[in-house]
Amino acid sequence: MNYNQNKKLAQITSQTLIVGVDIAKHNHVARAQDFRGIELGSSLTFENTQAGFNSLLDWIQQLLTDHHMNQILIGMEPTGHYWLNLAHFLTEKDIKFVVVNPSHVKKSKELDDNSPTKNDIKDAKVIAQLVKDGRYAEPNIPQGVYAELRGAKKIRDLLSVDLQVVQGQIHNWIDRHFPELLTVFKNWEGKAALQILKLNLLPHELMKLTDRELMLHLRKTVKRGVGLEKMQELKRVAGCSVGIRQGSDMAKLELHTLLEKYQLIHQKLEKLESRMDSLLEQVPGVQQMLGITGIGRDTVVGFFSEVGDLKGYSHPRQIIKLAGLNLKENTSGQHKGQTKRGRKKLRALLFRVVMPLVAKNSAFKALHEYYTKRPNNPLKKMQSMIALCNKLIRILFAIGKKQFEFSEEKMLRDIPHMKELQTAA
């Protein structure tokens, strides 16, 4: 928006030292210029270490002194995860920094030398030029509880992937060694089926156990719901199983190992979820958000892990832009399409939440029906979902700022066209 661009440009004065930093894994390159684009001093190559970062500060301080400036604005590309160490260092030193879009850097390279070639020194200058022109964004680096939530979400995602892998491996083992188990139990992850698997026996060994021995083992975790008839049925299918018997010792060791991994991951997830609950208690508005029908803890954790502290935003449009939900259709000749930008994890989270909201939450369901069936300019279902994602962001933003209880009726009353429909009805 124009006023954002003007605001960015207004921050750069004759007293501002603009520093462009090209980020790499081991060595970064910095170049400095003034508000007119005149380069100041020589370029600096510094390591991704504490000593390297201190040398950057010394270099900046010398330039400030030599050119009688008193403000600093550092710009960098958010290259992978390599920029985060410098970003946190600058945050701790209370030095303002911004980020530029890598695609803008790529498109701007030819302006100076009419060449698309890439090198660190050239890129650092291009970054500084983009900052001078106000073509940058101010990142919201999570601090405190929000940094903890982002870390917790990352760990949970990793554990979820590991869990899916182990689940697939156990299912693979069952298909090879005891496929008939799933004719007796609908789900091998149920308490009864898991307890049977923990016997660590192949079908021909399982059928040798007495009904009493099976029931005693089962009752360690399952108190009711599975009786003697089920155990007799299990022994019957075990007796005619087509499961592989060769390599039985290693097959049982494989099952034992997989079940231990499965149990360990579940234990870690339980501990992590307890920690996440404690973290959420420190975030304003969370209890009111959880009171919305269709919103759960995972949704709230995912939202704050991506967005961070809502105090860093002045309007929900900023979060909508962060998610990449603010873009319009791109049309050129025969081509029609949309460009996806922003945080894809945040965008995916919002879509996953909106779908059950449309099914369970009366306000969102009514709004979705209105968007898709209104007489003037009805939206397609996906377009409606995007509009509802934006609506959800506005609601979560308002609750986080003001901590009020969400009301489905009030939400509909506050929407002019929905209010008219309710009055007519």
Protein backbone atom coordinates (compact mmCIF):
# COMPACT_ATOMS: atom_id res chain seq x y z
CA MET A 1 0.00 0.00 0.00
CA ASN A 2 1.15 3.55 -0.74
CA TYR A 3 1.07 4.73 2.83
CA ASN A 4 3.27 1.82 3.88
CA GLN A 5 5.74 2.66 1.13
CA ASN A 6 5.79 6.31 2.19
CA LYS A 7 6.28 5.33 5.80
CA LYS A 8 9.22 3.14 4.86
CA LEU A 9 10.81 5.92 2.81
CA ALA A 10 10.25 8.43 5.61
CA GLN A 11 12.44 6.35 7.93
CA ILE A 12 15.44 6.97 5.67
CA THR A 13 17.00 10.42 6.08
CA SER A 14 20.33 12.08 5.36
CA GLN A 15 21.45 10.79 8.76
CA THR A 16 20.72 7.14 7.91
CA LEU A 17 23.48 4.66 7.12
CA ILE A 18 22.00 1.96 4.89
CA VAL A 19 23.79 -1.38 5.06
CA GLY A 20 23.08 -4.28 2.69
CA VAL A 21 24.20 -7.74 3.83
CA ASP A 22 24.44 -10.73 1.54
CA ILE A 23 23.90 -13.82 3.68
CA ALA A 24 25.83 -17.07 3.20
CA LYS A 25 26.49 -20.15 5.34
CA HIS A 26 29.94 -19.16 6.63
CA ASN A 27 30.86 -15.67 5.38
CA HIS A 28 28.58 -12.66 4.89
CA VAL A 29 29.32 -9.55 2.83
CA ALA A 30 28.20 -6.02 3.80
CA ARG A 31 28.17 -2.78 1.79
CA ALA A 32 27.02 0.65 2.95
CA GLN A 33 25.53 3.72 1.28
CA ASP A 34 23.66 6.91 2.11
CA PHE A 35 20.06 7.86 1.33
CA ARG A 36 21.02 8.96 -2.22
CA GLY A 37 22.66 5.63 -3.07
CA ILE A 38 26.26 6.88 -2.83
CA GLU A 39 28.47 4.05 -1.59
CA LEU A 40 30.35 4.72 1.64
CA GLY A 41 33.61 3.00 2.50
CA SER A 42 34.77 -0.41 1.31
CA SER A 43 32.84 -3.65 1.50
CA LEU A 44 33.24 -5.89 4.55
CA THR A 45 33.39 -9.70 4.60
CA PHE A 46 32.70 -11.12 8.04
CA GLU A 47 32.19 -14.61 9.44
CA ASN A 48 29.01 -16.06 10.90
CA THR A 49 30.55 -15.95 14.38
CA GLN A 50 30.47 -13.70 17.42
CA ALA A 51 33.79 -12.17 16.38
CA GLY A 52 32.47 -11.64 12.86
CA PHE A 53 29.31 -9.92 14.10
CA ASN A 54 31.38 -7.66 16.37
CA SER A 55 33.58 -6.71 13.41
CA LEU A 56 30.37 -5.69 11.55
CA LEU A 57 29.41 -3.40 14.45
CA ASP A 58 32.91 -1.88 14.54
CA TRP A 59 32.77 -1.29 10.76
CA ILE A 60 29.34 0.35 11.04
CA GLN A 61 30.43 2.54 13.96
CA GLN A 62 33.46 3.76 12.01
CA LEU A 63 31.26 4.68 9.02
CA LEU A 64 28.82 6.52 11.28
CA THR A 65 31.67 8.53 12.74
CA ASP A 66 33.37 9.26 9.41
CA HIS A 67 30.18 10.45 7.72
CA HIS A 68 28.52 12.14 10.72
CA MET A 69 25.45 9.90 10.78
CA ASN A 70 23.41 8.70 13.74
CA GLN A 71 20.94 6.13 12.35
CA ILE A 72 21.42 2.59 11.04
CA LEU A 73 19.17 0.49 8.80
CA ILE A 74 20.46 -2.96 7.89
CA GLY A 75 18.87 -4.97 5.09
CA MET A 76 19.40 -8.64 4.28
CA GLU A 77 17.96 -11.52 2.30
CA PRO A 78 16.20 -14.17 4.46
CA THR A 79 18.35 -16.92 2.94
CA GLY A 80 17.27 -20.27 4.37
CA HIS A 81 17.98 -20.28 8.09
CA TYR A 82 21.44 -18.74 7.84
CA TRP A 83 20.18 -15.18 8.41
CA LEU A 84 18.58 -15.97 11.77
CA ASN A 85 21.78 -15.87 13.82
CA LEU A 86 22.60 -12.35 12.63
CA ALA A 87 18.95 -11.31 13.01
CA HIS A 88 18.85 -12.36 16.66
CA PHE A 89 22.22 -10.74 17.31
CA LEU A 90 20.98 -7.42 15.92
CA THR A 91 17.72 -7.73 17.88
CA GLU A 92 19.68 -8.16 21.13
CA LYS A 93 21.77 -5.10 20.24
CA ASP A 94 18.57 -3.13 19.47
CA ILE A 95 19.73 -2.41 15.92
CA LYS A 96 17.00 -2.04 13.32
CA PHE A 97 17.11 -4.48 10.41
CA VAL A 98 14.76 -5.37 7.57
CA VAL A 99 14.52 -8.09 4.94
CA VAL A 100 14.19 -7.86 1.16
CA ASN A 101 12.47 -10.30 -1.16
CA PRO A 102 15.00 -12.64 -2.88
CA SER A 103 13.02 -12.37 -6.13
CA HIS A 104 13.42 -8.57 -6.01
CA VAL A 105 17.17 -8.96 -5.62
CA LYS A 106 17.28 -11.32 -8.60
CA LYS A 107 15.26 -8.93 -10.78
CA SER A 108 17.28 -5.85 -9.78
CA LYS A 109 20.77 -7.20 -10.48
CA GLU A 110 20.98 -5.92 -14.04
CA LEU A 111 20.18 -2.29 -13.20
CA ASP A 112 23.78 -1.33 -12.41
CA ASP A 113 25.92 -3.34 -14.84
CA ASN A 114 23.38 -4.80 -17.29
CA SER A 115 24.46 -8.28 -16.22
CA PRO A 116 22.51 -10.97 -14.34
CA THR A 117 25.69 -12.47 -12.86
CA LYS A 118 25.63 -13.23 -9.15
CA ASN A 119 28.31 -12.59 -6.56
CA ASP A 120 28.20 -11.71 -2.90
CA ILE A 121 29.63 -8.18 -3.22
CA LYS A 122 27.21 -7.25 -6.00
CA ASP A 123 24.21 -8.70 -4.16
CA ALA A 124 25.02 -6.74 -1.01
CA LYS A 125 24.84 -3.50 -3.00
CA VAL A 126 21.55 -4.52 -4.67
CA ILE A 127 20.06 -5.25 -1.23
CA ALA A 128 21.14 -1.82 0.06
CA GLN A 129 19.55 -0.16 -3.01
CA LEU A 130 16.25 -1.97 -2.40
CA VAL A 131 16.26 -0.80 1.21
CA LYS A 132 16.94 2.77 0.07
CA ASP A 133 13.88 2.61 -2.20
CA GLY A 134 11.68 1.35 0.62
CA ARG A 135 11.28 -2.10 -0.93
CA TYR A 136 11.65 -4.12 2.23
CA ALA A 137 9.64 -5.75 4.99
CA GLU A 138 10.09 -5.61 8.73
CA PRO A 139 10.28 -9.18 10.08
CA ASN A 140 8.58 -10.15 13.30
CA ILE A 141 11.24 -12.16 15.14
CA PRO A 142 9.50 -14.19 17.89
CA GLN A 143 10.63 -13.44 21.41
CA GLY A 144 9.93 -15.06 24.77
CA VAL A 145 6.90 -17.35 24.88
CA TYR A 146 6.29 -16.93 21.14
CA ALA A 147 9.79 -18.22 20.36
CA GLU A 148 9.09 -21.15 22.68
CA LEU A 149 5.81 -21.87 20.87
CA ARG A 150 7.53 -21.83 17.49
CA GLY A 151 10.12 -24.28 18.79
CA ALA A 152 7.40 -26.50 20.29
CA LYS A 153 5.49 -26.52 17.01
CA LYS A 154 8.63 -27.51 15.11
CA ILE A 155 9.31 -30.38 17.53
CA ARG A 156 5.71 -31.53 17.27
CA ASP A 157 5.89 -31.56 13.47
CA LEU A 158 9.09 -33.64 13.61
CA LEU A 159 7.57 -36.11 16.07
CA SER A 160 4.42 -36.36 13.93
CA VAL A 161 6.52 -37.27 10.89
CA ASP A 162 8.42 -39.87 12.93
CA LEU A 163 5.14 -41.27 14.22
CA GLN A 164 3.73 -41.63 10.71
CA VAL A 165 6.88 -43.49 9.63
CA VAL A 166 6.69 -45.93 12.58
CA GLN A 167 2.96 -46.45 12.06
CA GLY A 168 3.63 -47.40 8.44
CA GLN A 169 6.44 -49.76 9.45
CA ILE A 170 4.27 -51.54 12.04
CA HIS A 171 1.44 -51.88 9.52
CA ASN A 172 3.98 -53.31 7.06
CA TRP A 173 5.09 -55.86 9.68
CA ILE A 174 1.48 -56.93 10.32
CA ASP A 175 0.86 -57.38 6.58
CA ARG A 176 3.91 -59.63 6.32
CA HIS A 177 3.66 -61.68 9.51
CA PHE A 178 0.06 -61.57 10.78
CA PRO A 179 -2.34 -60.04 8.21
CA GLU A 180 -5.35 -61.77 9.81
CA LEU A 181 -4.96 -59.63 12.95
CA LEU A 182 -6.92 -56.83 11.25
CA THR A 183 -9.89 -59.15 10.65
CA VAL A 184 -10.26 -59.49 14.42
CA PHE A 185 -9.39 -55.91 15.40
CA LYS A 186 -10.47 -52.98 13.25
CA ASN A 187 -7.46 -50.88 14.24
CA TRP A 188 -4.08 -52.18 15.38
CA GLU A 189 -3.56 -48.95 17.38
CA GLY A 190 -6.47 -49.79 19.66
CA LYS A 191 -5.60 -50.82 23.23
CA ALA A 192 -6.52 -54.48 22.75
CA ALA A 193 -4.63 -54.95 19.46
CA LEU A 194 -1.55 -53.16 20.79
CA GLN A 195 -1.55 -55.32 23.88
CA ILE A 196 -1.65 -58.45 21.72
CA LEU A 197 1.24 -57.15 19.61
CA LYS A 198 3.24 -56.55 22.78
CA LEU A 199 3.23 -60.32 23.34
CA ASN A 200 5.82 -60.24 20.55
CA LEU A 201 4.70 -63.59 19.16
CA LEU A 202 4.13 -64.83 15.62
CA PRO A 203 0.71 -66.37 14.84
CA HIS A 204 1.85 -70.01 15.17
CA GLU A 205 3.28 -69.16 18.62
CA LEU A 206 0.25 -67.13 19.67
CA MET A 207 -2.19 -70.00 19.13
CA LYS A 208 -0.29 -72.10 21.67
CA LEU A 209 -1.33 -69.80 24.53
CA THR A 210 -4.42 -70.72 26.52
CA ASP A 211 -7.51 -68.51 26.53
CA ARG A 212 -6.82 -67.68 30.18
CA GLU A 213 -3.24 -66.60 29.45
CA LEU A 214 -4.45 -64.32 26.66
CA MET A 215 -7.17 -62.78 28.80
CA LEU A 216 -4.79 -62.17 31.73
CA HIS A 217 -2.36 -60.39 29.41
CA LEU A 218 -5.16 -58.37 27.81
CA ARG A 219 -6.62 -57.25 31.14
CA LYS A 220 -3.38 -55.40 31.95
CA THR A 221 -4.64 -52.51 29.80
CA VAL A 222 -8.17 -53.45 28.62
CA LYS A 223 -10.65 -53.90 31.45
CA ARG A 224 -13.78 -54.45 29.39
CA GLY A 225 -15.14 -54.51 25.85
CA VAL A 226 -13.02 -57.49 24.70
CA GLY A 227 -14.03 -60.92 25.94
CA LEU A 228 -13.28 -64.58 25.59
CA GLU A 229 -15.00 -64.89 22.20
CA LYS A 230 -12.65 -62.32 20.72
CA MET A 231 -9.62 -64.24 22.01
CA GLN A 232 -10.95 -67.49 20.59
CA GLU A 233 -11.49 -65.80 17.23
CA LEU A 234 -7.91 -64.46 17.39
CA LYS A 235 -6.53 -67.96 18.00
CA ARG A 236 -8.64 -69.37 15.18
CA VAL A 237 -7.28 -66.91 12.57
CA ALA A 238 -3.75 -67.36 13.97
CA GLY A 239 -4.04 -71.08 13.31
CA CYS A 240 -4.68 -70.54 9.59
CA SER A 241 -2.46 -67.46 9.14
CA VAL A 242 -0.46 -66.99 5.94
CA GLY A 243 2.09 -64.86 7.79
CA ILE A 244 5.77 -65.38 7.01
CA ARG A 245 7.53 -67.67 9.51
CA GLN A 246 11.08 -67.57 8.17
CA GLY A 247 13.48 -65.32 10.07
CA SER A 248 11.15 -65.45 13.10
CA ASP A 249 13.73 -64.31 15.66
CA MET A 250 14.57 -61.13 13.78
CA ALA A 251 10.89 -60.60 12.92
CA LYS A 252 10.03 -60.55 16.63
CA LEU A 253 12.99 -58.26 17.36
CA GLU A 254 11.79 -55.92 14.59
CA LEU A 255 8.29 -55.76 16.11
CA HIS A 256 9.68 -55.18 19.60
CA THR A 257 11.89 -52.33 18.32
CA LEU A 258 9.06 -50.69 16.38
CA LEU A 259 6.63 -50.87 19.32
CA GLU A 260 9.24 -49.30 21.62
CA LYS A 261 9.73 -46.44 19.13
CA TYR A 262 5.96 -46.04 18.79
CA GLN A 263 5.50 -45.84 22.57
CA LEU A 264 8.48 -43.48 23.02
CA ILE A 265 7.14 -41.03 20.42
CA HIS A 266 3.72 -41.00 22.09
CA GLN A 267 5.34 -40.31 25.48
CA LYS A 268 7.33 -37.42 24.02
CA LEU A 269 4.21 -36.02 22.37
CA GLU A 270 2.31 -36.15 25.67
CA LYS A 271 5.10 -34.30 27.50
CA LEU A 272 5.37 -31.75 24.71
CA GLU A 273 1.63 -31.10 24.69
CA SER A 274 1.74 -30.51 28.44
CA ARG A 275 4.52 -27.95 27.92
CA MET A 276 2.53 -26.32 25.12
CA ASP A 277 -0.48 -25.96 27.44
CA SER A 278 1.72 -24.17 29.98
CA LEU A 279 3.05 -21.83 27.29
CA LEU A 280 -0.43 -20.99 26.00
CA GLU A 281 -1.49 -19.88 29.48
CA GLN A 282 0.97 -16.98 29.11
CA VAL A 283 -0.53 -15.70 25.82
CA PRO A 284 -3.37 -13.13 26.05
CA GLY A 285 -6.68 -14.15 24.50
CA VAL A 286 -5.95 -17.88 24.15
CA GLN A 287 -8.78 -19.03 26.43
CA GLN A 288 -11.28 -16.92 24.47
CA MET A 289 -9.93 -18.33 21.19
CA LEU A 290 -10.34 -21.89 22.45
CA GLY A 291 -13.97 -21.03 23.25
CA ILE A 292 -14.73 -20.72 19.51
CA THR A 293 -16.47 -23.84 18.21
CA GLY A 294 -14.06 -25.60 15.86
CA ILE A 295 -10.86 -24.02 17.24
CA GLY A 296 -8.51 -26.30 19.18
CA ARG A 297 -5.17 -26.05 20.90
CA ASP A 298 -3.15 -27.14 17.86
CA THR A 299 -4.74 -24.36 15.82
CA VAL A 300 -3.86 -21.70 18.37
CA VAL A 301 -0.29 -23.00 18.79
CA GLY A 302 0.19 -23.07 15.02
CA PHE A 303 -1.21 -19.56 14.63
CA PHE A 304 1.04 -17.95 17.24
CA SER A 305 4.10 -19.97 16.19
CA GLU A 306 3.80 -18.46 12.71
CA VAL A 307 2.52 -14.96 13.60
CA GLY A 308 4.27 -14.29 16.91
CA ASP A 309 3.24 -11.50 19.26
CA LEU A 310 0.16 -9.64 17.99
CA LYS A 311 1.58 -6.45 19.51
CA GLY A 312 3.89 -6.34 16.50
CA TYR A 313 0.92 -5.75 14.17
CA SER A 314 -1.26 -2.68 13.90
CA HIS A 315 -3.89 -4.18 11.59
CA PRO A 316 -5.06 -7.72 10.67
CA ARG A 317 -4.30 -6.93 7.01
CA GLN A 318 -0.63 -7.34 7.91
CA ILE A 319 -1.25 -10.94 9.00
CA ILE A 320 -3.38 -11.58 5.91
CA LYS A 321 -0.46 -10.41 3.80
CA LEU A 322 1.95 -12.52 5.87
CA ALA A 323 -0.16 -15.58 5.05
CA GLY A 324 -0.25 -14.69 1.35
CA LEU A 325 -4.05 -14.41 1.27
CA ASN A 326 -4.20 -10.84 -0.02
CA LEU A 327 -3.27 -11.39 -3.67
CA LYS A 328 -5.64 -10.81 -6.55
CA GLU A 329 -5.92 -12.59 -9.87
CA ASN A 330 -3.05 -12.12 -12.34
CA THR A 331 -4.31 -11.73 -15.92
CA SER A 332 -2.15 -11.34 -19.01
CA GLY A 333 -3.46 -12.21 -22.47
CA GLN A 334 -4.69 -15.80 -22.38
CA HIS A 335 -3.14 -16.44 -18.97
CA LYS A 336 -5.17 -16.28 -15.78
CA GLY A 337 -3.79 -17.33 -12.45
CA GLN A 338 -2.70 -16.39 -8.97
CA THR A 339 0.70 -16.05 -7.37
CA LYS A 340 1.20 -17.69 -3.99
CA ARG A 341 3.42 -15.86 -1.51
CA GLY A 342 3.68 -15.60 2.23
CA ARG A 343 3.96 -18.26 4.89
CA LYS A 344 2.66 -21.50 3.38
CA LYS A 345 2.46 -23.19 6.81
CA LEU A 346 0.21 -20.42 8.11
CA ARG A 347 -1.89 -20.56 4.95
CA ALA A 348 -2.22 -24.36 5.21
CA LEU A 349 -3.15 -24.11 8.89
CA LEU A 350 -5.93 -21.61 8.18
CA PHE A 351 -7.39 -23.76 5.41
CA ARG A 352 -7.34 -26.86 7.64
CA VAL A 353 -9.18 -24.93 10.35
CA VAL A 354 -11.78 -23.23 8.15
CA MET A 355 -13.09 -26.50 6.71
CA PRO A 356 -14.31 -27.88 10.08
CA LEU A 357 -15.43 -24.38 11.06
CA VAL A 358 -17.81 -24.34 8.09
CA ALA A 359 -19.17 -27.69 9.24
CA LYS A 360 -19.40 -27.07 13.00
CA ASN A 361 -19.63 -23.31 13.56
CA SER A 362 -23.04 -21.85 12.71
CA ALA A 363 -21.66 -18.36 11.99
CA PHE A 364 -19.00 -19.55 9.55
CA LYS A 365 -21.43 -21.99 7.98
CA ALA A 366 -23.98 -19.21 7.39
CA LEU A 367 -21.32 -16.88 6.01
CA HIS A 368 -20.00 -19.56 3.64
CA GLU A 369 -23.52 -20.24 2.40
CA TYR A 370 -24.09 -16.52 1.82
CA TYR A 371 -20.80 -16.06 -0.08
CA THR A 372 -21.48 -19.00 -2.41
CA LYS A 373 -25.24 -18.42 -2.98
CA ARG A 374 -25.69 -14.64 -2.89
CA PRO A 375 -27.48 -13.27 -5.96
CA ASN A 376 -24.79 -10.71 -6.82
CA ASN A 377 -21.23 -11.89 -7.44
CA PRO A 378 -21.44 -15.34 -5.78
CA LEU A 379 -18.04 -16.82 -4.90
CA LYS A 380 -16.73 -20.22 -5.79
CA LYS A 381 -16.21 -22.53 -2.82
CA MET A 382 -12.44 -22.02 -2.76
CA GLN A 383 -12.84 -18.25 -3.01
CA SER A 384 -15.27 -18.39 -0.10
CA MET A 385 -12.75 -20.41 1.91
CA ILE A 386 -10.10 -17.73 1.32
CA ALA A 387 -12.54 -15.03 2.43
CA LEU A 388 -13.32 -17.06 5.57
CA CYS A 389 -9.59 -17.50 6.28
CA ASN A 390 -9.28 -13.71 6.23
CA LYS A 391 -12.31 -13.43 8.50
CA LEU A 392 -10.78 -15.89 10.96
CA ILE A 393 -7.55 -13.87 11.03
CA ARG A 394 -9.52 -10.73 11.85
CA ILE A 395 -11.36 -12.52 14.66
CA LEU A 396 -8.21 -14.01 16.21
CA PHE A 397 -6.46 -10.64 15.90
CA ALA A 398 -9.31 -8.82 17.66
CA ILE A 399 -9.57 -11.42 20.45
CA GLY A 400 -5.79 -11.39 20.98
CA LYS A 401 -5.82 -7.59 21.25
CA LYS A 402 -8.95 -7.15 23.39
CA GLN A 403 -9.57 -10.55 25.02
CA PHE A 404 -13.34 -10.67 24.50
CA GLU A 405 -15.62 -13.72 24.30
CA PHE A 406 -16.54 -14.74 20.75
CA SER A 407 -20.25 -14.83 19.90
CA GLU A 408 -21.52 -16.47 16.71
CA GLU A 409 -24.72 -14.38 16.82
CA LYS A 410 -22.80 -11.13 17.29
CA MET A 411 -20.47 -12.02 14.42
CA LEU A 412 -23.45 -12.32 12.07
CA ARG A 413 -25.08 -9.15 13.40
CA ASP A 414 -21.88 -7.17 12.79
CA ILE A 415 -21.89 -8.10 9.09
CA PRO A 416 -24.29 -5.69 7.29
CA HIS A 417 -25.53 -8.02 4.56
CA MET A 418 -26.02 -10.91 7.03
CA LYS A 419 -27.95 -8.60 9.35
CA GLU A 420 -30.27 -7.68 6.47
CA LEU A 421 -30.91 -11.35 5.71
CA GLN A 422 -31.68 -12.14 9.35
CA THR A 423 -34.11 -9.18 9.51
CA ALA A 424 -35.85 -10.30 6.32
CA ALA A 425 -36.15 -13.84 7.69
